[in-house]
Amino acid sequence: ADAVPFWARQGFAALPAALPPGYGAGARLMERALRD
């Protein structure tokens, strides 16, 4: 299932990075800034 919208609502943003093929075609590397 496409989980990107779920994680985006949690404050994560998808990065334009290629992941290894084992992650699947819809996989996205995501990050979220940490608070101080």
Protein backbone atom coordinates (compact mmCIF):
# COMPACT_ATOMS: atom_id res chain seq x y z
CA ALA A 1 0.00 0.00 0.00
CA ASP A 2 1.12 3.59 -0.60
CA ALA A 3 2.05 4.92 2.84
CA VAL A 4 3.52 8.25 1.67
CA PRO A 5 0.33 10.26 2.42
CA PHE A 6 0.19 8.79 5.95
CA TRP A 7 3.80 9.71 6.72
CA ALA A 8 3.41 13.14 5.11
CA ARG A 9 0.60 13.86 7.61
CA GLN A 10 3.07 12.94 10.38
CA GLY A 11 5.49 15.62 9.16
CA PHE A 12 7.74 13.53 6.91
CA ALA A 13 8.78 14.60 3.42
CA ALA A 14 9.83 12.33 0.56
CA LEU A 15 13.38 12.78 -0.68
CA PRO A 16 14.37 12.44 -4.35
CA ALA A 17 16.66 9.47 -3.72
CA ALA A 18 16.79 6.11 -5.45
CA LEU A 19 16.35 3.10 -3.17
CA PRO A 20 17.67 -0.42 -3.81
CA PRO A 21 15.32 -2.57 -5.96
CA GLY A 22 14.40 -4.76 -2.98
CA TYR A 23 12.31 -1.95 -1.52
CA GLY A 24 9.78 -2.06 -4.36
CA ALA A 25 8.70 0.41 -7.02
CA GLY A 26 6.57 2.63 -4.75
CA ALA A 27 9.06 2.94 -1.87
CA ARG A 28 10.24 6.43 -0.94
CA LEU A 29 13.03 7.63 1.35
CA MET A 30 11.49 10.09 3.80
CA GLU A 31 12.81 12.41 6.48
CA ARG A 32 11.49 14.61 9.26
CA ALA A 33 13.35 17.33 11.12
CA LEU A 34 13.89 16.77 14.84
CA ARG A 35 12.89 19.40 17.33
CA ASP A 36 15.36 20.96 19.75
